Amino acid sequence: MAIKTKWSEKDLDYFQKHILEKRRKLLEEMGDLRENTHIANESASTSDSTYAYHMADVGTDQAEREKAYYWLARENNYLRYLDRALQMIEEGMFGICQTCGDLISKERLEEVPHTTSCFSCKTNVSKAAN
C-alpha cells in the first residue's frame, strides 16, 4: 500500500472552506472588539462619561483597554497564521509535516489548521524543549 503524501483536492477544498469560516468568524470578533474598544476610548475621553473620575475607575478602564488591545494583537497573529495556511493550500504544501514529511492528521488540521507539524513531531519538539 502506497503512503499518501498529499491531500486530495476534495480534502483541500474542505480545509480551505474550514479555514475561511474560521477566518470569517475571527474577523467578526475582531470587528466587535475594535468597536467596543473605540466606544470605551470615546467614553473615557468625553466629559459626558457615566463613569466617575475616580483614580480606581480610570485604572480599571485602562486595564480593560489594554486587555482588549492584547486580544486584538493576538487575534491578528492568528489571522496571519490562517492566511499562511490558505497560501500553503495554494502552494500544495498544506497538511504536510515540515519535519518528517508525513501527512498531518485530519483531526489535528481541523483543530489547528495552521499547523506545520504532525502530532508526533510536535510532541518530540515539546519534550526536547523541556
C-alpha atoms as a PDB file:
ATOM      1  CA  MET A   1       0.000   0.000   0.000  1.00  0.00           C
ATOM      2  CA  ALA A   2       1.412   3.387  -1.020  1.00  0.00           C
ATOM      3  CA  ILE A   3       1.915   6.057   1.602  1.00  0.00           C
ATOM      4  CA  LYS A   4      -0.250   9.093   0.974  1.00  0.00           C
ATOM      5  CA  THR A   5       1.992  12.133   0.517  1.00  0.00           C
ATOM      6  CA  LYS A   6      -0.573  14.862  -0.116  1.00  0.00           C
ATOM      7  CA  TRP A   7      -4.215  15.623   0.457  1.00  0.00           C
ATOM      8  CA  SER A   8      -6.805  15.104  -2.298  1.00  0.00           C
ATOM      9  CA  GLU A   9      -8.439  18.100  -3.985  1.00  0.00           C
ATOM     10  CA  LYS A  10     -11.676  17.240  -2.168  1.00  0.00           C
ATOM     11  CA  ASP A  11      -9.881  17.305   1.188  1.00  0.00           C
ATOM     12  CA  LEU A  12      -8.092  20.549   0.328  1.00  0.00           C
ATOM     13  CA  ASP A  13     -11.423  22.152  -0.637  1.00  0.00           C
ATOM     14  CA  TYR A  14     -12.830  21.040   2.716  1.00  0.00           C
ATOM     15  CA  PHE A  15      -9.871  22.506   4.624  1.00  0.00           C
ATOM     16  CA  GLN A  16      -9.994  25.726   2.620  1.00  0.00           C
ATOM     17  CA  LYS A  17     -13.679  26.202   3.468  1.00  0.00           C
ATOM     18  CA  HIS A  18     -12.959  25.322   7.105  1.00  0.00           C
ATOM     19  CA  ILE A  19     -10.152  27.898   7.304  1.00  0.00           C
ATOM     20  CA  LEU A  20     -12.197  30.559   5.505  1.00  0.00           C
ATOM     21  CA  GLU A  21     -15.033  30.046   8.009  1.00  0.00           C
ATOM     22  CA  LYS A  22     -12.617  30.351  10.954  1.00  0.00           C
ATOM     23  CA  ARG A  23     -11.202  33.476   9.306  1.00  0.00           C
ATOM     24  CA  ARG A  24     -14.667  34.991   8.822  1.00  0.00           C
ATOM     25  CA  LYS A  25     -15.579  34.403  12.478  1.00  0.00           C
ATOM     26  CA  LEU A  26     -12.250  35.808  13.625  1.00  0.00           C
ATOM     27  CA  LEU A  27     -12.685  38.983  11.558  1.00  0.00           C
ATOM     28  CA  GLU A  28     -16.170  39.388  13.021  1.00  0.00           C
ATOM     29  CA  GLU A  29     -14.811  39.023  16.572  1.00  0.00           C
ATOM     30  CA  MET A  30     -12.004  41.464  15.817  1.00  0.00           C
ATOM     31  CA  GLY A  31     -14.510  43.985  14.462  1.00  0.00           C
ATOM     32  CA  ASP A  32     -16.624  43.696  17.601  1.00  0.00           C
ATOM     33  CA  LEU A  33     -13.565  44.079  19.803  1.00  0.00           C
ATOM     34  CA  ARG A  34     -12.373  47.130  17.858  1.00  0.00           C
ATOM     35  CA  GLU A  35     -15.828  48.686  18.073  1.00  0.00           C
ATOM     36  CA  ASN A  36     -16.068  48.085  21.823  1.00  0.00           C
ATOM     37  CA  THR A  37     -12.562  49.452  22.342  1.00  0.00           C
ATOM     38  CA  HIS A  38     -13.368  52.511  20.236  1.00  0.00           C
ATOM     39  CA  ILE A  39     -16.562  53.154  22.233  1.00  0.00           C
ATOM     40  CA  ALA A  40     -14.660  52.751  25.514  1.00  0.00           C
ATOM     41  CA  ASN A  41     -11.989  55.184  24.311  1.00  0.00           C
ATOM     42  CA  GLU A  42     -14.612  57.755  23.296  1.00  0.00           C
ATOM     43  CA  SER A  43     -16.414  57.328  26.605  1.00  0.00           C
ATOM     44  CA  ALA A  44     -13.207  57.797  28.558  1.00  0.00           C
ATOM     45  CA  SER A  45     -12.281  60.942  26.649  1.00  0.00           C
ATOM     46  CA  THR A  46     -15.602  62.801  26.943  1.00  0.00           C
ATOM     47  CA  SER A  47     -16.835  64.743  29.907  1.00  0.00           C
ATOM     48  CA  ASP A  48     -20.269  63.126  29.447  1.00  0.00           C
ATOM     49  CA  SER A  49     -18.894  59.811  30.637  1.00  0.00           C
ATOM     50  CA  THR A  50     -21.197  57.959  33.007  1.00  0.00           C
ATOM     51  CA  TYR A  51     -18.151  56.793  34.940  1.00  0.00           C
ATOM     52  CA  ALA A  52     -16.908  58.723  37.910  1.00  0.00           C
ATOM     53  CA  TYR A  53     -13.471  60.200  37.507  1.00  0.00           C
ATOM     54  CA  HIS A  54     -12.032  58.275  40.395  1.00  0.00           C
ATOM     55  CA  MET A  55      -8.465  57.023  40.025  1.00  0.00           C
ATOM     56  CA  ALA A  56      -9.520  53.409  40.571  1.00  0.00           C
ATOM     57  CA  ASP A  57     -12.178  53.669  37.840  1.00  0.00           C
ATOM     58  CA  VAL A  58      -9.721  55.222  35.417  1.00  0.00           C
ATOM     59  CA  GLY A  59      -7.211  52.470  36.199  1.00  0.00           C
ATOM     60  CA  THR A  60      -9.809  49.766  35.645  1.00  0.00           C
ATOM     61  CA  ASP A  61     -10.850  51.317  32.328  1.00  0.00           C
ATOM     62  CA  GLN A  62      -7.213  51.487  31.254  1.00  0.00           C
ATOM     63  CA  ALA A  63      -6.638  47.848  32.201  1.00  0.00           C
ATOM     64  CA  GLU A  64      -9.693  46.796  30.172  1.00  0.00           C
ATOM     65  CA  ARG A  65      -8.461  48.746  27.134  1.00  0.00           C
ATOM     66  CA  GLU A  66      -5.014  47.165  27.433  1.00  0.00           C
ATOM     67  CA  LYS A  67      -6.587  43.719  27.641  1.00  0.00           C
ATOM     68  CA  ALA A  68      -8.656  44.457  24.516  1.00  0.00           C
ATOM     69  CA  TYR A  69      -5.550  45.610  22.623  1.00  0.00           C
ATOM     70  CA  TYR A  70      -3.728  42.468  23.723  1.00  0.00           C
ATOM     71  CA  TRP A  71      -6.551  40.277  22.367  1.00  0.00           C
ATOM     72  CA  LEU A  72      -6.636  42.243  19.123  1.00  0.00           C
ATOM     73  CA  ALA A  73      -2.904  41.694  18.646  1.00  0.00           C
ATOM     74  CA  ARG A  74      -3.289  38.004  19.455  1.00  0.00           C
ATOM     75  CA  GLU A  75      -6.191  37.574  17.043  1.00  0.00           C
ATOM     76  CA  ASN A  76      -4.285  39.485  14.379  1.00  0.00           C
ATOM     77  CA  ASN A  77      -1.433  36.963  14.718  1.00  0.00           C
ATOM     78  CA  TYR A  78      -3.918  34.096  14.392  1.00  0.00           C
ATOM     79  CA  LEU A  79      -5.334  35.756  11.274  1.00  0.00           C
ATOM     80  CA  ARG A  80      -1.840  35.761   9.744  1.00  0.00           C
ATOM     81  CA  TYR A  81      -1.486  32.058  10.571  1.00  0.00           C
ATOM     82  CA  LEU A  82      -4.801  31.305   8.857  1.00  0.00           C
ATOM     83  CA  ASP A  83      -3.757  33.349   5.819  1.00  0.00           C
ATOM     84  CA  ARG A  84      -0.494  31.396   5.686  1.00  0.00           C
ATOM     85  CA  ALA A  85      -2.459  28.120   5.796  1.00  0.00           C
ATOM     86  CA  LEU A  86      -4.533  29.299   2.819  1.00  0.00           C
ATOM     87  CA  GLN A  87      -1.317  30.177   0.990  1.00  0.00           C
ATOM     88  CA  MET A  88       0.062  26.712   1.742  1.00  0.00           C
ATOM     89  CA  ILE A  89      -3.056  25.167   0.196  1.00  0.00           C
ATOM     90  CA  GLU A  90      -2.370  27.168  -2.974  1.00  0.00           C
ATOM     91  CA  GLU A  91       1.297  26.083  -2.945  1.00  0.00           C
ATOM     92  CA  GLY A  92       0.425  22.409  -2.424  1.00  0.00           C
ATOM     93  CA  MET A  93       2.214  22.265   0.943  1.00  0.00           C
ATOM     94  CA  PHE A  94      -0.790  22.278   3.277  1.00  0.00           C
ATOM     95  CA  GLY A  95      -1.126  19.455   5.773  1.00  0.00           C
ATOM     96  CA  ILE A  96       2.383  18.107   5.258  1.00  0.00           C
ATOM     97  CA  CYS A  97       4.635  17.962   8.314  1.00  0.00           C
ATOM     98  CA  GLN A  98       7.666  20.159   7.676  1.00  0.00           C
ATOM     99  CA  THR A  99       9.769  17.984   9.974  1.00  0.00           C
ATOM    100  CA  CYS A 100       9.111  14.432   8.779  1.00  0.00           C
ATOM    101  CA  GLY A 101       7.181  14.933   5.512  1.00  0.00           C
ATOM    102  CA  ASP A 102       4.191  12.812   6.578  1.00  0.00           C
ATOM    103  CA  LEU A 103       0.611  13.984   6.280  1.00  0.00           C
ATOM    104  CA  ILE A 104      -0.748  15.708   9.353  1.00  0.00           C
ATOM    105  CA  SER A 105      -3.899  14.003  10.651  1.00  0.00           C
ATOM    106  CA  LYS A 106      -7.243  15.427   9.612  1.00  0.00           C
ATOM    107  CA  GLU A 107      -8.286  15.758  13.260  1.00  0.00           C
ATOM    108  CA  ARG A 108      -5.220  17.879  14.046  1.00  0.00           C
ATOM    109  CA  LEU A 109      -5.746  20.072  10.975  1.00  0.00           C
ATOM    110  CA  GLU A 110      -9.374  20.654  11.915  1.00  0.00           C
ATOM    111  CA  GLU A 111      -8.343  21.854  15.380  1.00  0.00           C
ATOM    112  CA  VAL A 112      -5.142  23.686  14.384  1.00  0.00           C
ATOM    113  CA  PRO A 113      -5.477  24.388  10.643  1.00  0.00           C
ATOM    114  CA  HIS A 114      -2.297  26.454  10.529  1.00  0.00           C
ATOM    115  CA  THR A 115      -0.054  23.750  11.996  1.00  0.00           C
ATOM    116  CA  THR A 116       3.041  22.674  10.106  1.00  0.00           C
ATOM    117  CA  SER A 117       3.887  19.719  12.372  1.00  0.00           C
ATOM    118  CA  CYS A 118       2.257  16.352  12.872  1.00  0.00           C
ATOM    119  CA  PHE A 119       1.359  15.412  16.436  1.00  0.00           C
ATOM    120  CA  SER A 120       4.350  13.106  16.803  1.00  0.00           C
ATOM    121  CA  CYS A 121       6.907  15.719  15.702  1.00  0.00           C
ATOM    122  CA  LYS A 122       5.256  18.452  17.764  1.00  0.00           C
ATOM    123  CA  THR A 123       5.354  16.177  20.819  1.00  0.00           C
ATOM    124  CA  ASN A 124       9.045  15.415  20.232  1.00  0.00           C
ATOM    125  CA  VAL A 125       9.872  19.123  19.939  1.00  0.00           C
ATOM    126  CA  SER A 126       7.930  19.882  23.130  1.00  0.00           C
ATOM    127  CA  LYS A 127       9.706  17.094  25.030  1.00  0.00           C
ATOM    128  CA  ALA A 128      13.105  18.288  23.804  1.00  0.00           C
ATOM    129  CA  ALA A 129      12.333  21.836  24.947  1.00  0.00           C
ATOM    130  CA  ASN A 130      11.631  20.635  28.492  1.00  0.00           C
END
